Protein backbone atom coordinates (compact mmCIF):
# COMPACT_ATOMS: atom_id res chain seq x y z
CA MET A 1 54.61 64.48 -58.89
CA LYS A 2 54.39 66.12 -62.30
CA PHE A 3 56.20 69.19 -63.51
CA ILE A 4 55.12 71.54 -66.25
CA ILE A 5 58.07 72.25 -68.53
CA ASN A 6 57.97 74.51 -71.57
CA GLU A 7 59.13 73.06 -74.91
CA SER A 8 62.59 74.66 -75.01
CA LYS A 9 63.43 73.42 -71.51
CA LEU A 10 62.08 69.99 -72.40
CA GLN A 11 64.43 69.83 -75.39
CA LYS A 12 67.38 70.72 -73.13
CA VAL A 13 66.37 67.99 -70.68
CA ILE A 14 66.05 65.45 -73.50
CA ASN A 15 69.45 66.44 -74.94
CA THR A 16 71.02 66.07 -71.49
CA TYR A 17 69.36 62.67 -71.10
CA LEU A 18 70.66 61.55 -74.52
CA GLU A 19 74.19 62.73 -73.73
CA MET A 20 74.11 60.71 -70.50
CA GLN A 21 73.33 57.53 -72.47
CA ASN A 22 76.92 57.40 -73.77
CA PHE A 23 75.95 56.19 -77.22
CA VAL A 24 78.77 54.77 -79.33
CA PHE A 25 79.49 56.59 -82.59
CA LYS A 26 80.93 54.53 -85.45
CA GLU A 27 81.83 55.59 -88.93
CA THR A 28 82.15 53.15 -91.80
CA GLU A 29 82.82 53.69 -95.46
CA GLY A 30 79.11 53.99 -96.20
CA ASN A 31 77.40 55.05 -92.97
CA TYR A 32 77.54 56.81 -89.64
CA TYR A 33 76.09 54.72 -86.79
CA ILE A 34 74.92 55.62 -83.33
CA LEU A 35 74.75 52.47 -81.20
CA GLU A 36 73.91 51.72 -77.57
CA SER A 37 77.13 49.71 -77.16
CA GLU A 38 80.17 48.56 -79.14
CA ASP A 39 78.75 45.14 -80.00
CA ASP A 40 75.14 46.22 -80.52
CA GLU A 41 73.46 44.74 -83.60
CA HIS A 42 70.66 47.34 -83.55
CA PHE A 43 71.43 51.00 -84.13
CA MET A 44 69.75 53.99 -82.60
CA ALA A 45 70.44 55.97 -85.76
CA CYS A 46 72.22 55.42 -89.04
CA VAL A 47 73.02 58.05 -91.66
CA ASN A 48 73.90 56.94 -95.15
CA LYS A 49 76.80 59.05 -96.42
CA LYS A 50 75.86 58.72 -100.07
CA ASN A 51 72.21 59.81 -99.99
CA ASN A 52 72.07 61.53 -96.56
CA ILE A 53 69.09 59.46 -95.45
CA CYS A 54 68.85 59.17 -91.69
CA TYR A 55 67.39 55.92 -90.37
CA MET A 56 66.22 55.99 -86.75
CA ASN A 57 65.11 53.30 -84.36
CA LYS A 58 61.44 53.87 -83.47
CA ASP A 59 62.01 52.27 -80.06
CA LEU A 60 64.18 55.18 -78.97
CA VAL A 61 61.48 57.70 -79.82
CA GLU A 62 58.81 55.62 -78.10
CA THR A 63 60.97 55.13 -75.00
CA LEU A 64 61.64 58.85 -74.70
CA SER A 65 58.02 59.73 -75.37
CA SER A 66 56.74 57.44 -72.63
CA PHE A 67 59.56 58.31 -70.19
CA PHE A 68 58.87 62.02 -70.44
CA SER A 69 55.09 61.62 -70.98
CA SER A 70 55.08 63.91 -73.97
CA ASP A 71 54.12 64.08 -77.62
CA TYR A 72 55.78 61.57 -79.97
CA ASP A 73 56.40 64.26 -82.63
CA VAL A 74 58.33 66.47 -80.20
CA PHE A 75 60.77 63.63 -79.63
CA LYS A 76 61.13 62.88 -83.32
CA ASP A 77 62.14 66.49 -83.96
CA THR A 78 64.43 66.60 -80.93
CA LEU A 79 66.18 63.36 -81.96
CA ILE A 80 66.67 64.62 -85.50
CA SER A 81 68.28 67.80 -84.12
CA TYR A 82 70.43 65.75 -81.73
CA ILE A 83 71.73 63.51 -84.55
CA LYS A 84 72.37 66.53 -86.78
CA ASN A 85 74.44 68.12 -84.01
CA LEU A 86 76.41 64.89 -83.48
CA LEU A 87 77.31 64.95 -87.17
CA GLY A 88 78.37 68.58 -87.17
CA GLY A 89 75.14 70.09 -88.45
CA LYS A 90 74.71 67.69 -91.40
CA SER A 91 71.31 67.97 -93.03
CA PHE A 92 69.34 64.91 -94.10
CA SER A 93 67.53 64.37 -97.38
CA ARG A 94 64.99 62.25 -95.53
CA VAL A 95 64.42 60.67 -92.12
CA VAL A 96 63.03 57.14 -91.92
CA PHE A 97 61.87 55.53 -88.67
CA LEU A 98 62.39 51.76 -88.49
CA GLU A 99 61.29 48.99 -86.16
CA LYS A 100 64.12 47.57 -84.04
CA ASP A 101 64.48 44.34 -86.03
CA GLU A 102 64.77 46.35 -89.26
CA THR A 103 67.78 48.24 -87.88
CA SER A 104 69.88 45.09 -87.70
CA ILE A 105 69.28 44.39 -91.40
CA ILE A 106 71.34 47.43 -92.46
CA ILE A 107 74.22 46.51 -90.14
CA SER A 108 74.20 42.88 -91.31
CA TYR A 109 74.11 43.94 -94.95
CA GLU A 110 77.08 46.27 -94.54
CA LYS A 111 79.05 43.58 -92.71
CA GLN A 112 78.37 41.14 -95.54
CA LEU A 113 79.47 43.67 -98.14
CA LYS A 114 82.71 44.39 -96.37
CA GLY A 115 83.28 40.94 -94.87
CA ARG A 116 84.45 42.52 -91.64
CA ASN A 117 83.28 44.29 -88.50
CA LEU A 118 81.93 47.83 -88.52
CA ASN A 119 85.11 49.22 -86.94
């Protein structure tokens, strides 16, 4: 069975779905991370504090897009709004969508720089 939902209601449903995922929020000296779990090596989103660039995992957008059978761009915009709200309305200088394996590179690099965990 399919339902027809207008765009504003769809965004509310997506936000509710995202809140139910219980993403883990971590803050480091250089970045804010949104992870699926504490020990996850791939982030859902990462915001660099210095340049305000938001890096997002493409898999999350694609998963949501296929789950809700809707337009990919709607989910990109909704995710950007969701991340902004999580960070208290912070605006981004740019948003970059990365493949899943590219997301672990940033985490690994920061761990190497600091020589410790992300905590």
